[in-house]
Amino acid sequence: MFTPTGPAKRPWLRPLIALGAVIVVMGGFWVLSTVLDDGKPPVEVARDARVGDCLENRGTHADPDLYTIACSDAKADYKVMIDATLRHKCPAEFDEYTERGGRTGETTLCLTPVRH
């Protein structure tokens, strides 16, 4: 009678288990992203705003915290009229907002209040 001397060799089993583990982990991330998604677009800070975009001030007038928002939204406080990043100065008729940091180092936007 034949008696095996060790465990049966199955070289295909380890890669199959690894693939299964990767699929389970990726599925978990997909489920989490689906559950946690609130359907809103990602928050964009003021330095990413373009001419024509509207901004919401979540801070104070003295210490603004501006975020891009739809112009039709009642929370819109300002509209970007000029991107003065290269000049670092706005004409007198506009409010000026300067933010340091980001890709360009410093962003200067000329704003006008939104009237609802």
PDB file of N, CA and C in Angstrom:
ATOM      1  N   MET A   1       0.833  -1.162   0.000  1.00  0.00           N
ATOM      2  CA  MET A   1       0.000   0.000   0.000  1.00  0.00           C
ATOM      3  C   MET A   1       0.888   1.239   0.000  1.00  0.00           C
ATOM      4  N   PHE A   2       0.372   2.309  -0.695  1.00  0.00           N
ATOM      5  CA  PHE A   2       1.139   3.544  -0.833  1.00  0.00           C
ATOM      6  C   PHE A   2       0.767   4.497   0.295  1.00  0.00           C
ATOM      7  N   THR A   3       1.778   5.051   1.011  1.00  0.00           N
ATOM      8  CA  THR A   3       1.565   6.016   2.076  1.00  0.00           C
ATOM      9  C   THR A   3       2.219   7.342   1.672  1.00  0.00           C
ATOM     10  N   PRO A   4       1.450   8.440   1.603  1.00  0.00           N
ATOM     11  CA  PRO A   4       2.052   9.716   1.233  1.00  0.00           C
ATOM     12  C   PRO A   4       3.045  10.157   2.294  1.00  0.00           C
ATOM     13  N   THR A   5       4.114  10.805   1.857  1.00  0.00           N
ATOM     14  CA  THR A   5       5.166  11.237   2.779  1.00  0.00           C
ATOM     15  C   THR A   5       5.014  12.692   3.189  1.00  0.00           C
ATOM     16  N   GLY A   6       4.101  13.413   2.623  1.00  0.00           N
ATOM     17  CA  GLY A   6       3.903  14.830   2.972  1.00  0.00           C
ATOM     18  C   GLY A   6       2.574  15.298   2.440  1.00  0.00           C
ATOM     19  N   PRO A   7       2.298  16.574   2.629  1.00  0.00           N
ATOM     20  CA  PRO A   7       1.027  17.097   2.137  1.00  0.00           C
ATOM     21  C   PRO A   7       1.004  17.116   0.615  1.00  0.00           C
ATOM     22  N   ALA A   8      -0.210  17.035   0.082  1.00  0.00           N
ATOM     23  CA  ALA A   8      -0.360  17.067  -1.367  1.00  0.00           C
ATOM     24  C   ALA A   8       0.062  18.444  -1.875  1.00  0.00           C
ATOM     25  N   LYS A   9       0.796  18.465  -2.960  1.00  0.00           N
ATOM     26  CA  LYS A   9       1.274  19.725  -3.517  1.00  0.00           C
ATOM     27  C   LYS A   9       0.223  20.288  -4.457  1.00  0.00           C
ATOM     28  N   ARG A  10      -0.164  21.526  -4.162  1.00  0.00           N
ATOM     29  CA  ARG A  10      -1.126  22.245  -4.991  1.00  0.00           C
ATOM     30  C   ARG A  10      -0.550  23.640  -5.253  1.00  0.00           C
ATOM     31  N   PRO A  11       0.300  23.787  -6.255  1.00  0.00           N
ATOM     32  CA  PRO A  11       0.953  25.077  -6.491  1.00  0.00           C
ATOM     33  C   PRO A  11      -0.023  26.167  -6.925  1.00  0.00           C
ATOM     34  N   TRP A  12      -1.179  25.832  -7.386  1.00  0.00           N
ATOM     35  CA  TRP A  12      -2.156  26.807  -7.847  1.00  0.00           C
ATOM     36  C   TRP A  12      -2.973  27.402  -6.716  1.00  0.00           C
ATOM     37  N   LEU A  13      -2.913  26.801  -5.508  1.00  0.00           N
ATOM     38  CA  LEU A  13      -3.779  27.213  -4.412  1.00  0.00           C
ATOM     39  C   LEU A  13      -3.393  28.573  -3.824  1.00  0.00           C
ATOM     40  N   ARG A  14      -2.108  28.835  -3.623  1.00  0.00           N
ATOM     41  CA  ARG A  14      -1.675  30.105  -3.021  1.00  0.00           C
ATOM     42  C   ARG A  14      -2.029  31.311  -3.905  1.00  0.00           C
ATOM     43  N   PRO A  15      -1.730  31.291  -5.214  1.00  0.00           N
ATOM     44  CA  PRO A  15      -2.134  32.439  -6.040  1.00  0.00           C
ATOM     45  C   PRO A  15      -3.654  32.630  -6.073  1.00  0.00           C
ATOM     46  N   LEU A  16      -4.399  31.546  -6.021  1.00  0.00           N
ATOM     47  CA  LEU A  16      -5.850  31.637  -6.010  1.00  0.00           C
ATOM     48  C   LEU A  16      -6.346  32.298  -4.720  1.00  0.00           C
ATOM     49  N   ILE A  17      -5.770  31.939  -3.607  1.00  0.00           N
ATOM     50  CA  ILE A  17      -6.135  32.549  -2.322  1.00  0.00           C
ATOM     51  C   ILE A  17      -5.759  34.034  -2.321  1.00  0.00           C
ATOM     52  N   ALA A  18      -4.575  34.378  -2.850  1.00  0.00           N
ATOM     53  CA  ALA A  18      -4.145  35.775  -2.913  1.00  0.00           C
ATOM     54  C   ALA A  18      -5.092  36.593  -3.792  1.00  0.00           C
ATOM     55  N   LEU A  19      -5.484  36.056  -4.930  1.00  0.00           N
ATOM     56  CA  LEU A  19      -6.412  36.739  -5.816  1.00  0.00           C
ATOM     57  C   LEU A  19      -7.757  36.944  -5.129  1.00  0.00           C
ATOM     58  N   GLY A  20      -8.219  35.933  -4.436  1.00  0.00           N
ATOM     59  CA  GLY A  20      -9.476  36.051  -3.698  1.00  0.00           C
ATOM     60  C   GLY A  20      -9.401  37.128  -2.626  1.00  0.00           C
ATOM     61  N   ALA A  21      -8.275  37.222  -1.922  1.00  0.00           N
ATOM     62  CA  ALA A  21      -8.102  38.244  -0.887  1.00  0.00           C
ATOM     63  C   ALA A  21      -8.114  39.643  -1.507  1.00  0.00           C
ATOM     64  N   VAL A  22      -7.457  39.815  -2.659  1.00  0.00           N
ATOM     65  CA  VAL A  22      -7.438  41.108  -3.338  1.00  0.00           C
ATOM     66  C   VAL A  22      -8.859  41.498  -3.766  1.00  0.00           C
ATOM     67  N   ILE A  23      -9.605  40.560  -4.287  1.00  0.00           N
ATOM     68  CA  ILE A  23     -10.982  40.836  -4.717  1.00  0.00           C
ATOM     69  C   ILE A  23     -11.849  41.231  -3.523  1.00  0.00           C
ATOM     70  N   VAL A  24     -11.694  40.572  -2.401  1.00  0.00           N
ATOM     71  CA  VAL A  24     -12.473  40.897  -1.206  1.00  0.00           C
ATOM     72  C   VAL A  24     -12.128  42.298  -0.701  1.00  0.00           C
ATOM     73  N   VAL A  25     -10.840  42.647  -0.672  1.00  0.00           N
ATOM     74  CA  VAL A  25     -10.423  43.972  -0.197  1.00  0.00           C
ATOM     75  C   VAL A  25     -10.939  45.066  -1.132  1.00  0.00           C
ATOM     76  N   MET A  26     -10.795  44.855  -2.439  1.00  0.00           N
ATOM     77  CA  MET A  26     -11.285  45.855  -3.395  1.00  0.00           C
ATOM     78  C   MET A  26     -12.807  46.001  -3.306  1.00  0.00           C
ATOM     79  N   GLY A  27     -13.494  44.912  -3.130  1.00  0.00           N
ATOM     80  CA  GLY A  27     -14.943  44.968  -2.956  1.00  0.00           C
ATOM     81  C   GLY A  27     -15.324  45.737  -1.701  1.00  0.00           C
ATOM     82  N   GLY A  28     -14.555  45.566  -0.640  1.00  0.00           N
ATOM     83  CA  GLY A  28     -14.799  46.316   0.595  1.00  0.00           C
ATOM     84  C   GLY A  28     -14.641  47.811   0.390  1.00  0.00           C
ATOM     85  N   PHE A  29     -13.589  48.220  -0.329  1.00  0.00           N
ATOM     86  CA  PHE A  29     -13.395  49.639  -0.617  1.00  0.00           C
ATOM     87  C   PHE A  29     -14.543  50.183  -1.466  1.00  0.00           C
ATOM     88  N   TRP A  30     -14.998  49.406  -2.429  1.00  0.00           N
ATOM     89  CA  TRP A  30     -16.105  49.840  -3.280  1.00  0.00           C
ATOM     90  C   TRP A  30     -17.371  50.036  -2.444  1.00  0.00           C
ATOM     91  N   VAL A  31     -17.661  49.084  -1.555  1.00  0.00           N
ATOM     92  CA  VAL A  31     -18.848  49.184  -0.702  1.00  0.00           C
ATOM     93  C   VAL A  31     -18.736  50.411   0.200  1.00  0.00           C
ATOM     94  N   LEU A  32     -17.568  50.658   0.796  1.00  0.00           N
ATOM     95  CA  LEU A  32     -17.391  51.827   1.657  1.00  0.00           C
ATOM     96  C   LEU A  32     -17.580  53.127   0.883  1.00  0.00           C
ATOM     97  N   SER A  33     -16.998  53.211  -0.311  1.00  0.00           N
ATOM     98  CA  SER A  33     -17.130  54.442  -1.085  1.00  0.00           C
ATOM     99  C   SER A  33     -18.577  54.671  -1.506  1.00  0.00           C
ATOM    100  N   THR A  34     -19.308  53.602  -1.779  1.00  0.00           N
ATOM    101  CA  THR A  34     -20.713  53.726  -2.157  1.00  0.00           C
ATOM    102  C   THR A  34     -21.561  54.156  -0.959  1.00  0.00           C
ATOM    103  N   VAL A  35     -21.299  53.599   0.191  1.00  0.00           N
ATOM    104  CA  VAL A  35     -22.071  53.914   1.390  1.00  0.00           C
ATOM    105  C   VAL A  35     -21.782  55.342   1.862  1.00  0.00           C
ATOM    106  N   LEU A  36     -20.522  55.766   1.794  1.00  0.00           N
ATOM    107  CA  LEU A  36     -20.138  57.072   2.309  1.00  0.00           C
ATOM    108  C   LEU A  36     -20.345  58.209   1.318  1.00  0.00           C
ATOM    109  N   ASP A  37     -20.638  57.918   0.065  1.00  0.00           N
ATOM    110  CA  ASP A  37     -20.836  58.954  -0.944  1.00  0.00           C
ATOM    111  C   ASP A  37     -22.172  59.637  -0.702  1.00  0.00           C
ATOM    112  N   ASP A  38     -22.129  60.967  -0.548  1.00  0.00           N
ATOM    113  CA  ASP A  38     -23.364  61.707  -0.306  1.00  0.00           C
ATOM    114  C   ASP A  38     -23.944  62.306  -1.574  1.00  0.00           C
ATOM    115  N   GLY A  39     -23.317  62.052  -2.712  1.00  0.00           N
ATOM    116  CA  GLY A  39     -23.826  62.527  -3.980  1.00  0.00           C
ATOM    117  C   GLY A  39     -23.435  63.958  -4.308  1.00  0.00           C
ATOM    118  N   LYS A  40     -22.764  64.641  -3.386  1.00  0.00           N
ATOM    119  CA  LYS A  40     -22.348  66.012  -3.624  1.00  0.00           C
ATOM    120  C   LYS A  40     -21.010  66.020  -4.361  1.00  0.00           C
ATOM    121  N   PRO A  41     -20.764  67.043  -5.171  1.00  0.00           N
ATOM    122  CA  PRO A  41     -19.454  67.127  -5.798  1.00  0.00           C
ATOM    123  C   PRO A  41     -18.398  67.415  -4.738  1.00  0.00           C
ATOM    124  N   PRO A  42     -17.140  67.063  -4.997  1.00  0.00           N
ATOM    125  CA  PRO A  42     -16.100  67.309  -4.000  1.00  0.00           C
ATOM    126  C   PRO A  42     -15.940  68.813  -3.739  1.00  0.00           C
ATOM    127  N   VAL A  43     -15.557  69.140  -2.512  1.00  0.00           N
ATOM    128  CA  VAL A  43     -15.380  70.530  -2.121  1.00  0.00           C
ATOM    129  C   VAL A  43     -14.145  71.095  -2.815  1.00  0.00           C
ATOM    130  N   GLU A  44     -14.319  72.266  -3.435  1.00  0.00           N
ATOM    131  CA  GLU A  44     -13.207  72.942  -4.083  1.00  0.00           C
ATOM    132  C   GLU A  44     -12.932  74.236  -3.343  1.00  0.00           C
ATOM    133  N   VAL A  45     -11.660  74.477  -3.056  1.00  0.00           N
ATOM    134  CA  VAL A  45     -11.283  75.695  -2.354  1.00  0.00           C
ATOM    135  C   VAL A  45     -11.205  76.857  -3.339  1.00  0.00           C
ATOM    136  N   ALA A  46     -11.124  78.061  -2.816  1.00  0.00           N
ATOM    137  CA  ALA A  46     -11.160  79.265  -3.649  1.00  0.00           C
ATOM    138  C   ALA A  46      -9.994  79.325  -4.630  1.00  0.00           C
ATOM    139  N   ARG A  47      -8.833  78.813  -4.274  1.00  0.00           N
ATOM    140  CA  ARG A  47      -7.686  78.919  -5.189  1.00  0.00           C
ATOM    141  C   ARG A  47      -7.894  78.129  -6.478  1.00  0.00           C
ATOM    142  N   ASP A  48      -8.882  77.222  -6.490  1.00  0.00           N
ATOM    143  CA  ASP A  48      -9.205  76.455  -7.698  1.00  0.00           C
ATOM    144  C   ASP A  48     -10.314  77.114  -8.518  1.00  0.00           C
ATOM    145  N   ALA A  49     -10.853  78.243  -8.027  1.00  0.00           N
ATOM    146  CA  ALA A  49     -11.964  78.906  -8.705  1.00  0.00           C
ATOM    147  C   ALA A  49     -11.491  79.586  -9.987  1.00  0.00           C
ATOM    148  N   ARG A  50     -12.408  79.681 -10.940  1.00  0.00           N
ATOM    149  CA  ARG A  50     -12.141  80.346 -12.218  1.00  0.00           C
ATOM    150  C   ARG A  50     -13.095  81.533 -12.354  1.00  0.00           C
ATOM    151  N   VAL A  51     -12.811  82.382 -13.307  1.00  0.00           N
ATOM    152  CA  VAL A  51     -13.678  83.530 -13.561  1.00  0.00           C
ATOM    153  C   VAL A  51     -15.084  83.016 -13.887  1.00  0.00           C
ATOM    154  N   GLY A  52     -16.084  83.595 -13.220  1.00  0.00           N
ATOM    155  CA  GLY A  52     -17.472  83.174 -13.407  1.00  0.00           C
ATOM    156  C   GLY A  52     -17.964  82.252 -12.312  1.00  0.00           C
ATOM    157  N   ASP A  53     -17.059  81.642 -11.539  1.00  0.00           N
ATOM    158  CA  ASP A  53     -17.463  80.779 -10.425  1.00  0.00           C
ATOM    159  C   ASP A  53     -17.936  81.630  -9.259  1.00  0.00           C
ATOM    160  N   CYS A  54     -18.767  81.041  -8.421  1.00  0.00           N
ATOM    161  CA  CYS A  54     -19.227  81.715  -7.214  1.00  0.00           C
ATOM    162  C   CYS A  54     -18.612  81.047  -5.993  1.00  0.00           C
ATOM    163  N   LEU A  55     -18.506  81.822  -4.922  1.00  0.00           N
ATOM    164  CA  LEU A  55     -17.845  81.355  -3.704  1.00  0.00           C
ATOM    165  C   LEU A  55     -18.752  81.559  -2.500  1.00  0.00           C
ATOM    166  N   GLU A  56     -18.656  80.625  -1.569  1.00  0.00           N
ATOM    167  CA  GLU A  56     -19.360  80.730  -0.291  1.00  0.00           C
ATOM    168  C   GLU A  56     -18.317  81.008   0.779  1.00  0.00           C
ATOM    169  N   ASN A  57     -18.576  81.981   1.636  1.00  0.00           N
ATOM    170  CA  ASN A  57     -17.667  82.294   2.732  1.00  0.00           C
ATOM    171  C   ASN A  57     -18.138  81.560   3.978  1.00  0.00           C
ATOM    172  N   ARG A  58     -17.378  80.574   4.411  1.00  0.00           N
ATOM    173  CA  ARG A  58     -17.722  79.810   5.607  1.00  0.00           C
ATOM    174  C   ARG A  58     -16.979  80.339   6.826  1.00  0.00           C
ATOM    175  N   GLY A  59     -16.238  81.396   6.646  1.00  0.00           N
ATOM    176  CA  GLY A  59     -15.530  82.042   7.748  1.00  0.00           C
ATOM    177  C   GLY A  59     -16.201  83.373   8.064  1.00  0.00           C
ATOM    178  N   THR A  60     -15.370  84.358   8.424  1.00  0.00           N
ATOM    179  CA  THR A  60     -15.869  85.702   8.693  1.00  0.00           C
ATOM    180  C   THR A  60     -15.350  86.643   7.612  1.00  0.00           C
ATOM    181  N   HIS A  61     -15.816  87.895   7.641  1.00  0.00           N
ATOM    182  CA  HIS A  61     -15.324  88.866   6.665  1.00  0.00           C
ATOM    183  C   HIS A  61     -13.840  89.146   6.907  1.00  0.00           C
ATOM    184  N   ALA A  62     -13.434  89.196   8.171  1.00  0.00           N
ATOM    185  CA  ALA A  62     -12.033  89.459   8.506  1.00  0.00           C
ATOM    186  C   ALA A  62     -11.139  88.240   8.256  1.00  0.00           C
ATOM    187  N   ASP A  63     -11.691  87.049   8.404  1.00  0.00           N
ATOM    188  CA  ASP A  63     -10.934  85.799   8.208  1.00  0.00           C
ATOM    189  C   ASP A  63     -11.749  84.862   7.316  1.00  0.00           C
ATOM    190  N   PRO A  64     -11.793  85.149   5.993  1.00  0.00           N
ATOM    191  CA  PRO A  64     -12.655  84.366   5.097  1.00  0.00           C
ATOM    192  C   PRO A  64     -12.149  82.940   4.884  1.00  0.00           C
ATOM    193  N   ASP A  65     -13.092  82.051   4.669  1.00  0.00           N
ATOM    194  CA  ASP A  65     -12.826  80.648   4.341  1.00  0.00           C
ATOM    195  C   ASP A  65     -13.731  80.340   3.142  1.00  0.00           C
ATOM    196  N   LEU A  66     -13.212  80.548   1.920  1.00  0.00           N
ATOM    197  CA  LEU A  66     -14.031  80.518   0.715  1.00  0.00           C
ATOM    198  C   LEU A  66     -13.978  79.172   0.002  1.00  0.00           C
ATOM    199  N   TYR A  67     -15.141  78.728  -0.478  1.00  0.00           N
ATOM    200  CA  TYR A  67     -15.284  77.480  -1.225  1.00  0.00           C
ATOM    201  C   TYR A  67     -16.136  77.727  -2.463  1.00  0.00           C
ATOM    202  N   THR A  68     -15.825  77.030  -3.549  1.00  0.00           N
ATOM    203  CA  THR A  68     -16.590  77.137  -4.782  1.00  0.00           C
ATOM    204  C   THR A  68     -17.976  76.534  -4.579  1.00  0.00           C
ATOM    205  N   ILE A  69     -18.977  77.217  -5.117  1.00  0.00           N
ATOM    206  CA  ILE A  69     -20.368  76.789  -4.965  1.00  0.00           C
ATOM    207  C   ILE A  69     -21.130  77.223  -6.226  1.00  0.00           C
ATOM    208  N   ALA A  70     -22.236  76.606  -6.499  1.00  0.00           N
ATOM    209  CA  ALA A  70     -23.053  76.981  -7.663  1.00  0.00           C
ATOM    210  C   ALA A  70     -23.590  78.395  -7.469  1.00  0.00           C
ATOM    211  N   CYS A  71     -23.578  79.181  -8.530  1.00  0.00           N
ATOM    212  CA  CYS A  71     -24.063  80.566  -8.444  1.00  0.00           C
ATOM    213  C   CYS A  71     -25.557  80.633  -8.143  1.00  0.00           C
ATOM    214  N   SER A  72     -26.307  79.603  -8.480  1.00  0.00           N
ATOM    215  CA  SER A  72     -27.743  79.580  -8.208  1.00  0.00           C
ATOM    216  C   SER A  72     -28.052  79.265  -6.746  1.00  0.00           C
ATOM    217  N   ASP A  73     -27.062  78.815  -5.995  1.00  0.00           N
ATOM    218  CA  ASP A  73     -27.248  78.469  -4.589  1.00  0.00           C
ATOM    219  C   ASP A  73     -27.403  79.752  -3.764  1.00  0.00           C
ATOM    220  N   ALA A  74     -28.339  79.749  -2.832  1.00  0.00           N
ATOM    221  CA  ALA A  74     -28.581  80.919  -1.980  1.00  0.00           C
ATOM    222  C   ALA A  74     -27.401  81.226  -1.065  1.00  0.00           C
ATOM    223  N   LYS A  75     -26.506  80.264  -0.858  1.00  0.00           N
ATOM    224  CA  LYS A  75     -25.344  80.467   0.004  1.00  0.00           C
ATOM    225  C   LYS A  75     -24.194  81.179  -0.706  1.00  0.00           C
ATOM    226  N   ALA A  76     -24.306  81.386  -2.005  1.00  0.00           N
ATOM    227  CA  ALA A  76     -23.233  82.045  -2.764  1.00  0.00           C
ATOM    228  C   ALA A  76     -23.092  83.487  -2.286  1.00  0.00           C
ATOM    229  N   ASP A  77     -21.876  83.851  -1.873  1.00  0.00           N
ATOM    230  CA  ASP A  77     -21.613  85.187  -1.358  1.00  0.00           C
ATOM    231  C   ASP A  77     -20.905  86.083  -2.373  1.00  0.00           C
ATOM    232  N   TYR A  78     -19.994  85.501  -3.163  1.00  0.00           N
ATOM    233  CA  TYR A  78     -19.180  86.285  -4.096  1.00  0.00           C
ATOM    234  C   TYR A  78     -19.097  85.591  -5.451  1.00  0.00           C
ATOM    235  N   LYS A  79     -18.854  86.401  -6.480  1.00  0.00           N
ATOM    236  CA  LYS A  79     -18.615  85.876  -7.817  1.00  0.00           C
ATOM    237  C   LYS A  79     -17.225  86.339  -8.243  1.00  0.00           C
ATOM    238  N   VAL A  80     -16.446  85.402  -8.822  1.00  0.00           N
ATOM    239  CA  VAL A  80     -15.097  85.722  -9.285  1.00  0.00           C
ATOM    240  C   VAL A  80     -15.216  86.472 -10.606  1.00  0.00           C
ATOM    241  N   MET A  81     -14.716  87.702 -10.626  1.00  0.00           N
ATOM    242  CA  MET A  81     -14.793  88.527 -11.824  1.00  0.00           C
ATOM    243  C   MET A  81     -13.466  88.543 -12.588  1.00  0.00           C
ATOM    244  N   ILE A  82     -12.340  88.560 -11.868  1.00  0.00           N
ATOM    245  CA  ILE A  82     -11.018  88.616 -12.485  1.00  0.00           C
ATOM    246  C   ILE A  82     -10.075  87.716 -11.695  1.00  0.00           C
ATOM    247  N   ASP A  83      -9.269  86.940 -12.405  1.00  0.00           N
ATOM    248  CA  ASP A  83      -8.192  86.180 -11.769  1.00  0.00           C
ATOM    249  C   ASP A  83      -6.938  87.046 -11.881  1.00  0.00           C
ATOM    250  N   ALA A  84      -6.573  87.692 -10.785  1.00  0.00           N
ATOM    251  CA  ALA A  84      -5.446  88.635 -10.779  1.00  0.00           C
ATOM    252  C   ALA A  84      -4.198  88.000 -10.185  1.00  0.00           C
ATOM    253  N   THR A  85      -4.047  86.692 -10.323  1.00  0.00           N
ATOM    254  CA  THR A  85      -2.918  85.985  -9.731  1.00  0.00           C
ATOM    255  C   THR A  85      -1.587  86.524 -10.240  1.00  0.00           C
ATOM    256  N   LEU A  86      -1.496  86.855 -11.521  1.00  0.00           N
ATOM    257  CA  LEU A  86      -0.221  87.342 -12.070  1.00  0.00           C
ATOM    258  C   LEU A  86       0.055  88.792 -11.684  1.00  0.00           C
ATOM    259  N   ARG A  87      -1.008  89.602 -11.505  1.00  0.00           N
ATOM    260  CA  ARG A  87      -0.840  91.017 -11.157  1.00  0.00           C
ATOM    261  C   ARG A  87      -0.796  91.252  -9.657  1.00  0.00           C
ATOM    262  N   HIS A  88      -1.421  90.365  -8.869  1.00  0.00           N
ATOM    263  CA  HIS A  88      -1.511  90.471  -7.409  1.00  0.00           C
ATOM    264  C   HIS A  88      -2.240  91.727  -6.945  1.00  0.00           C
ATOM    265  N   LYS A  89      -3.051  92.324  -7.802  1.00  0.00           N
ATOM    266  CA  LYS A  89      -3.790  93.522  -7.432  1.00  0.00           C
ATOM    267  C   LYS A  89      -5.093  93.581  -8.218  1.00  0.00           C
ATOM    268  N   CYS A  90      -6.176  93.983  -7.549  1.00  0.00           N
ATOM    269  CA  CYS A  90      -7.483  94.106  -8.194  1.00  0.00           C
ATOM    270  C   CYS A  90      -7.825  95.576  -8.369  1.00  0.00           C
ATOM    271  N   PRO A  91      -8.658  95.894  -9.378  1.00  0.00           N
ATOM    272  CA  PRO A  91      -9.169  97.261  -9.504  1.00  0.00           C
ATOM    273  C   PRO A  91      -9.976  97.629  -8.258  1.00  0.00           C
ATOM    274  N   ALA A  92     -10.084  98.908  -7.999  1.00  0.00           N
ATOM    275  CA  ALA A  92     -10.704  99.396  -6.759  1.00  0.00           C
ATOM    276  C   ALA A  92     -12.158  98.978  -6.585  1.00  0.00           C
ATOM    277  N   GLU A  93     -12.891  98.753  -7.670  1.00  0.00           N
ATOM    278  CA  GLU A  93     -14.323  98.439  -7.542  1.00  0.00           C
ATOM    279  C   GLU A  93     -14.607  96.995  -7.099  1.00  0.00           C
ATOM    280  N   PHE A  94     -13.567  96.158  -6.967  1.00  0.00           N
ATOM    281  CA  PHE A  94     -13.741  94.763  -6.572  1.00  0.00           C
ATOM    282  C   PHE A  94     -13.174  94.497  -5.185  1.00  0.00           C
ATOM    283  N   ASP A  95     -13.767  93.496  -4.505  1.00  0.00           N
ATOM    284  CA  ASP A  95     -13.162  92.980  -3.284  1.00  0.00           C
ATOM    285  C   ASP A  95     -12.006  92.085  -3.702  1.00  0.00           C
ATOM    286  N   GLU A  96     -10.937  92.100  -2.940  1.00  0.00           N
ATOM    287  CA  GLU A  96      -9.754  91.312  -3.280  1.00  0.00           C
ATOM    288  C   GLU A  96      -9.570  90.186  -2.264  1.00  0.00           C
ATOM    289  N   TYR A  97      -9.327  88.993  -2.777  1.00  0.00           N
ATOM    290  CA  TYR A  97      -9.061  87.825  -1.923  1.00  0.00           C
ATOM    291  C   TYR A  97      -7.741  87.213  -2.371  1.00  0.00           C
ATOM    292  N   THR A  98      -6.815  87.058  -1.432  1.00  0.00           N
ATOM    293  CA  THR A  98      -5.517  86.451  -1.724  1.00  0.00           C
ATOM    294  C   THR A  98      -5.329  85.246  -0.828  1.00  0.00           C
ATOM    295  N   GLU A  99      -4.934  84.136  -1.435  1.00  0.00           N
ATOM    296  CA  GLU A  99      -4.680  82.891  -0.702  1.00  0.00           C
ATOM    297  C   GLU A  99      -3.275  82.418  -1.034  1.00  0.00           C
ATOM    298  N   ARG A 100      -2.519  82.123  -0.013  1.00  0.00           N
ATOM    299  CA  ARG A 100      -1.162  81.630  -0.207  1.00  0.00           C
ATOM    300  C   ARG A 100      -1.150  80.114  -0.150  1.00  0.00           C
ATOM    301  N   GLY A 101      -0.279  79.500  -0.970  1.00  0.00           N
ATOM    302  CA  GLY A 101      -0.184  78.045  -1.027  1.00  0.00           C
ATOM    303  C   GLY A 101      -0.754  77.526  -2.330  1.00  0.00           C
ATOM    304  N   GLY A 102      -0.733  76.233  -2.500  1.00  0.00           N
ATOM    305  CA  GLY A 102      -1.261  75.621  -3.715  1.00  0.00           C
ATOM    306  C   GLY A 102      -0.219  75.555  -4.816  1.00  0.00           C
ATOM    307  N   ARG A 103      -0.698  75.313  -6.039  1.00  0.00           N
ATOM    308  CA  ARG A 103       0.204  75.130  -7.187  1.00  0.00           C
ATOM    309  C   ARG A 103       0.958  76.395  -7.546  1.00  0.00           C
ATOM    310  N   THR A 104       0.261  77.525  -7.524  1.00  0.00           N
ATOM    311  CA  THR A 104       0.872  78.764  -7.999  1.00  0.00           C
ATOM    312  C   THR A 104       1.595  79.529  -6.901  1.00  0.00           C
ATOM    313  N   GLY A 105       1.472  79.110  -5.676  1.00  0.00           N
ATOM    314  CA  GLY A 105       2.117  79.805  -4.574  1.00  0.00           C
ATOM    315  C   GLY A 105       1.210  80.836  -3.947  1.00  0.00           C
ATOM    316  N   GLU A 106       0.594  81.688  -4.762  1.00  0.00           N
ATOM    317  CA  GLU A 106      -0.326  82.702  -4.273  1.00  0.00           C
ATOM    318  C   GLU A 106      -1.410  82.944  -5.320  1.00  0.00           C
ATOM    319  N   THR A 107      -2.643  82.971  -4.882  1.00  0.00           N
ATOM    320  CA  THR A 107      -3.771  83.199  -5.775  1.00  0.00           C
ATOM    321  C   THR A 107      -4.467  84.489  -5.356  1.00  0.00           C
ATOM    322  N   THR A 108      -4.728  85.370  -6.300  1.00  0.00           N
ATOM    323  CA  THR A 108      -5.459  86.610  -6.035  1.00  0.00           C
ATOM    324  C   THR A 108      -6.690  86.631  -6.931  1.00  0.00           C
ATOM    325  N   LEU A 109      -7.850  86.783  -6.312  1.00  0.00           N
ATOM    326  CA  LEU A 109      -9.115  86.823  -7.042  1.00  0.00           C
ATOM    327  C   LEU A 109      -9.820  88.144  -6.775  1.00  0.00           C
ATOM    328  N   CYS A 110     -10.397  88.714  -7.819  1.00  0.00           N
ATOM    329  CA  CYS A 110     -11.199  89.930  -7.697  1.00  0.00           C
ATOM    330  C   CYS A 110     -12.660  89.507  -7.661  1.00  0.00           C
ATOM    331  N   LEU A 111     -13.348  89.884  -6.594  1.00  0.00           N
ATOM    332  CA  LEU A 111     -14.697  89.394  -6.334  1.00  0.00           C
ATOM    333  C   LEU A 111     -15.705  90.525  -6.289  1.00  0.00           C
ATOM    334  N   THR A 112     -16.929  90.166  -6.587  1.00  0.00           N
ATOM    335  CA  THR A 112     -18.051  91.094  -6.429  1.00  0.00           C
ATOM    336  C   THR A 112     -19.134  90.344  -5.644  1.00  0.00           C
ATOM    337  N   PRO A 113     -19.842  91.025  -4.745  1.00  0.00           N
ATOM    338  CA  PRO A 113     -20.889  90.348  -3.982  1.00  0.00           C
ATOM    339  C   PRO A 113     -22.007  89.837  -4.893  1.00  0.00           C
ATOM    340  N   VAL A 114     -22.587  88.706  -4.539  1.00  0.00           N
ATOM    341  CA  VAL A 114     -23.705  88.136  -5.287  1.00  0.00           C
ATOM    342  C   VAL A 114     -24.993  88.659  -4.661  1.00  0.00           C
ATOM    343  N   ARG A 115     -25.855  89.206  -5.495  1.00  0.00           N
ATOM    344  CA  ARG A 115     -27.155  89.709  -5.034  1.00  0.00           C
ATOM    345  C   ARG A 115     -28.211  88.658  -5.392  1.00  0.00           C
ATOM    346  N   HIS A 116     -28.938  88.199  -4.396  1.00  0.00           N
ATOM    347  CA  HIS A 116     -29.971  87.181  -4.640  1.00  0.00           C
ATOM    348  C   HIS A 116     -31.326  87.803  -4.701  1.00  0.00           C
TER     349      HIS A 116
END
